[in-house]
Protein backbone atom coordinates (compact mmCIF):
# COMPACT_ATOMS: atom_id res chain seq x y z
CA MET A 1 104.11 116.19 89.47
CA THR A 2 100.36 116.70 89.61
CA GLU A 3 98.07 119.71 89.81
CA ALA A 4 95.73 120.34 92.72
CA LEU A 5 93.49 123.14 93.91
CA HIS A 6 94.78 124.82 97.06
CA VAL A 7 92.03 126.37 99.20
CA GLU A 8 92.89 128.73 102.05
CA VAL A 9 90.03 129.21 104.51
CA ARG A 10 90.31 131.87 107.23
CA ALA A 11 88.07 132.71 110.17
CA PRO A 12 88.52 135.06 113.13
CA VAL A 13 87.00 132.55 115.55
CA ALA A 14 86.23 128.83 115.32
CA SER A 15 85.12 126.19 117.79
CA PHE A 16 85.10 122.41 117.29
CA ARG A 17 83.31 120.45 120.00
CA ASN A 18 84.57 116.95 120.73
CA PRO A 19 81.45 114.77 120.36
CA LEU A 20 82.97 112.01 122.49
CA TYR A 21 82.16 114.06 125.60
CA ALA A 22 78.54 114.54 126.73
CA GLY A 23 77.38 117.24 129.13
CA VAL A 24 80.58 119.29 128.89
CA GLN A 25 82.18 121.38 126.16
CA VAL A 26 85.57 119.91 125.23
CA GLY A 27 87.22 121.58 122.27
CA LEU A 28 89.25 119.90 119.56
CA PRO A 29 92.55 121.46 118.39
CA CYS A 30 91.57 121.06 114.72
CA PRO A 31 88.41 120.57 112.67
CA PRO A 32 87.26 116.98 112.07
CA PRO A 33 87.25 115.87 108.42
CA ALA A 34 83.43 115.62 108.62
CA THR A 35 83.27 119.34 109.46
CA VAL A 36 85.47 120.30 106.51
CA GLY A 37 83.48 118.05 104.20
CA GLY A 38 80.26 119.71 105.34
CA MET A 39 81.68 123.14 104.60
CA LEU A 40 82.64 122.06 101.09
CA ALA A 41 79.21 120.53 100.53
CA ALA A 42 77.56 123.80 101.60
CA ALA A 43 79.58 125.66 98.97
CA VAL A 44 78.07 123.58 96.13
CA GLY A 45 74.52 123.43 97.53
CA GLY A 46 74.48 120.23 99.59
CA TRP A 47 75.73 116.66 99.60
CA GLY A 48 73.59 115.81 96.59
CA GLN A 49 75.95 117.95 94.50
CA VAL A 50 79.12 116.27 95.80
CA SER A 51 80.85 113.22 94.34
CA GLY A 52 80.63 110.19 96.60
CA ASP A 53 84.39 109.70 96.55
CA LEU A 54 85.31 113.24 97.67
CA ARG A 55 88.67 113.26 99.44
CA PHE A 56 91.04 116.04 100.43
CA ALA A 57 94.19 116.79 102.40
CA MET A 58 94.32 119.50 105.05
CA VAL A 59 96.59 121.57 107.28
CA PHE A 60 95.25 123.68 110.17
CA THR A 61 96.73 126.44 112.33
CA ALA A 62 95.39 128.84 114.97
CA ALA A 63 97.10 131.97 116.28
CA GLY A 64 95.54 131.69 119.73
CA ALA A 65 92.94 130.03 121.95
CA GLY A 66 90.60 131.02 124.76
CA ILE A 67 87.46 130.19 126.71
CA ASP A 68 84.24 132.16 126.83
CA LEU A 69 80.78 131.56 128.29
CA GLU A 70 77.83 130.43 126.23
CA THR A 71 74.23 130.05 127.38
CA TYR A 72 72.58 126.71 126.65
CA HIS A 73 68.87 125.93 126.76
CA PRO A 74 68.71 122.22 127.64
CA LEU A 75 65.61 120.01 127.61
CA ASP A 76 64.65 117.93 130.63
CA ALA A 77 63.54 114.28 130.47
CA SER A 78 60.00 115.28 129.47
CA GLY A 79 61.22 117.44 126.60
CA THR A 80 60.41 120.69 128.38
CA LYS A 81 62.95 123.48 128.36
CA ALA A 82 65.01 123.62 131.53
CA PRO A 83 66.44 126.87 132.96
CA PRO A 84 69.23 128.38 130.81
CA THR A 85 72.65 127.02 131.73
CA PRO A 86 75.96 128.90 131.20
CA LYS A 87 78.90 126.72 130.18
CA ASP A 88 82.51 127.31 129.25
CA ARG A 89 83.19 127.09 125.50
CA PRO A 90 86.77 126.68 124.26
CA PHE A 91 87.51 128.52 121.02
CA LEU A 92 90.39 129.09 118.61
CA ALA A 93 91.30 132.50 117.20
CA GLU A 94 92.61 133.65 113.81
CA VAL A 95 92.45 130.21 112.27
CA THR A 96 93.71 129.15 108.85
CA LEU A 97 92.64 125.93 107.15
CA ARG A 98 94.48 124.86 104.00
CA ILE A 99 92.81 122.21 101.83
CA TRP A 100 94.07 120.42 98.72
CA LEU A 101 91.47 119.09 96.26
CA PHE A 102 92.51 116.91 93.33
CA ASP A 103 89.23 116.35 91.46
CA ASP A 104 87.40 118.90 89.29
CA PRO A 105 89.35 121.99 90.42
CA GLN A 106 87.44 124.31 88.08
CA ARG A 107 84.12 123.43 89.70
CA TRP A 108 85.46 123.95 93.21
CA GLU A 109 87.01 127.27 92.19
CA ARG A 110 83.60 128.51 91.02
CA ALA A 111 81.79 127.16 94.08
CA LEU A 112 84.18 128.67 96.61
CA ARG A 113 84.20 132.00 94.81
CA ARG A 114 80.38 132.19 95.00
CA PRO A 115 79.17 129.55 97.50
CA VAL A 116 75.51 128.52 97.50
CA TRP A 117 75.47 128.64 101.32
CA PRO A 118 77.76 130.79 103.47
CA LEU A 119 81.03 129.16 104.46
CA ARG A 120 81.05 128.22 108.13
CA LEU A 121 83.97 126.59 109.91
CA GLY A 122 82.54 124.81 112.95
CA ARG A 123 79.46 126.40 114.49
CA SER A 124 76.79 128.11 112.40
CA GLN A 125 77.92 131.59 113.53
CA ASP A 126 81.62 131.04 112.74
CA LEU A 127 81.71 132.50 109.23
CA ALA A 128 84.79 132.00 107.08
CA THR A 129 86.29 133.22 103.81
CA ALA A 130 88.09 131.19 101.15
CA ARG A 131 90.69 131.86 98.46
CA THR A 132 91.82 129.37 95.83
CA ARG A 133 94.81 128.86 93.54
CA ARG A 134 96.20 126.07 91.40
CA VAL A 135 99.40 124.45 92.69
CA ARG A 136 101.83 121.76 91.63
CA LEU A 137 102.50 118.85 93.97
CA VAL A 138 105.54 116.58 93.94
CA SER A 139 105.32 112.81 94.39
CA ARG A 140 107.46 112.32 97.51
CA SER A 141 107.38 112.35 101.31
CA GLY A 142 106.95 115.65 103.11
CA ARG A 143 107.17 117.55 106.39
CA GLN A 144 104.24 116.87 108.75
CA GLY A 145 103.98 120.45 110.05
CA HIS A 146 100.37 121.17 111.09
CA ALA A 147 98.78 118.57 108.81
CA VAL A 148 95.85 116.45 109.96
CA LEU A 149 96.99 112.94 109.02
CA PRO A 150 95.66 109.37 109.17
CA ALA A 151 97.19 107.93 112.34
CA GLN A 152 99.07 105.17 110.53
CA LEU A 153 101.29 107.70 108.72
CA THR A 154 103.05 109.15 111.79
CA THR A 155 103.69 108.82 115.50
CA ALA A 156 104.18 112.58 116.00
CA GLY A 157 101.40 114.69 117.49
CA THR A 158 98.25 113.98 119.47
CA LEU A 159 96.23 110.87 118.62
CA LEU A 160 92.62 111.94 117.97
CA GLN A 161 89.48 109.96 117.25
CA LEU A 162 87.57 112.22 114.84
CA PRO A 163 84.32 111.98 112.87
CA THR A 164 85.07 111.32 109.21
CA ALA A 165 81.49 111.10 107.92
CA ILE A 166 78.05 111.66 109.45
CA SER A 167 74.85 110.17 108.02
CA HIS A 168 72.26 112.49 106.50
CA ASP A 169 69.92 112.01 109.49
CA ARG A 170 72.88 112.38 111.91
CA SER A 171 72.07 109.03 113.54
CA ARG A 172 75.40 107.38 112.60
CA THR A 173 78.98 108.56 112.62
CA GLN A 174 82.04 107.02 111.03
CA TRP A 175 85.20 107.52 113.09
CA HIS A 176 88.87 107.22 112.20
CA ALA A 177 92.11 107.75 114.10
CA TYR A 178 94.15 110.82 113.14
CA ARG A 179 97.23 112.61 114.41
CA TYR A 180 97.66 116.36 114.68
CA HIS A 181 100.63 118.30 116.08
CA GLN A 182 99.28 121.61 117.39
CA GLY A 183 102.72 123.24 117.55
CA GLY A 184 103.87 121.86 114.21
CA THR A 185 106.62 119.30 113.67
CA ARG A 186 109.33 118.73 111.09
CA ALA A 187 108.78 114.96 111.16
CA GLU A 188 108.94 113.40 107.69
CA VAL A 189 105.91 111.40 106.60
CA ASP A 190 105.30 109.22 103.58
CA SER A 191 102.26 111.20 102.49
CA GLY A 192 102.34 110.40 98.78
CA TRP A 193 102.48 114.08 97.79
CA ALA A 194 104.19 117.22 99.00
CA THR A 195 104.17 120.89 98.07
CA GLU A 196 107.23 122.35 96.40
CA ASP A 197 108.33 123.79 99.77
CA GLY A 198 108.06 120.37 101.45
CA GLN A 199 104.65 120.37 103.19
CA ALA A 200 103.18 116.85 103.31
CA VAL A 201 99.86 116.49 101.45
CA ALA A 202 98.06 113.29 102.49
CA LEU A 203 94.55 112.44 101.32
CA LEU A 204 92.13 111.65 104.14
CA PRO A 205 89.37 108.98 103.95
CA PRO A 206 86.17 109.78 101.98
CA VAL A 207 83.74 112.04 103.87
CA HIS A 208 80.46 111.66 101.95
CA PRO A 209 77.46 110.55 104.09
CA ASP A 210 76.36 108.09 101.38
CA LEU A 211 79.47 106.02 102.04
CA LEU A 212 78.69 105.55 105.73
CA GLY A 213 78.62 101.90 106.52
CA VAL A 214 79.73 100.98 102.99
CA VAL A 215 83.32 102.18 102.79
CA ASP A 216 85.50 101.99 105.88
CA ALA A 217 88.79 103.48 104.76
CA PRO A 218 91.87 102.57 106.84
């Protein structure tokens, strides 16, 4: 068995735009690892305060989904503001993100209790809250459920190409293939660790911007 810090993040509304689509708003069913890493970095005051080998496991659920209208203010080819444009924006409601952190749990407990910057899950206006507790994990396979997993671990769920890390200047993005089952599945996966009630806990690739172009985790 090993000890980990379990973080439960909740938000009434969250929206994760798929960056593979330009000109339209296509929503993702779960947050990309880069988004979760950015939220954790905000809690400790920025990426400069985060270890370069930060990794975590995560499970995500949403109670509902919908579409609303949002007004955009695009720029034309000359850089001048064009007329405001309304567009559909998919969103998720009553979301819960569960994260497992293995390294320096005491520091993350302090940071998430009193974050340097407000916790945001997705867009800047989607504020979130976090609670932490220490848990014991068992070294064995587990139930996939609503986990976001590296694609090579399972064939269940939707195959997604998600940003894992984004450079500090946002000019480069590191992508990896993941699988996520929006409805949840009881498929067994060799995740390395599992909770005592059987939830698979699989570490995702490193998310730190400093590793972009240096480490390309499978």
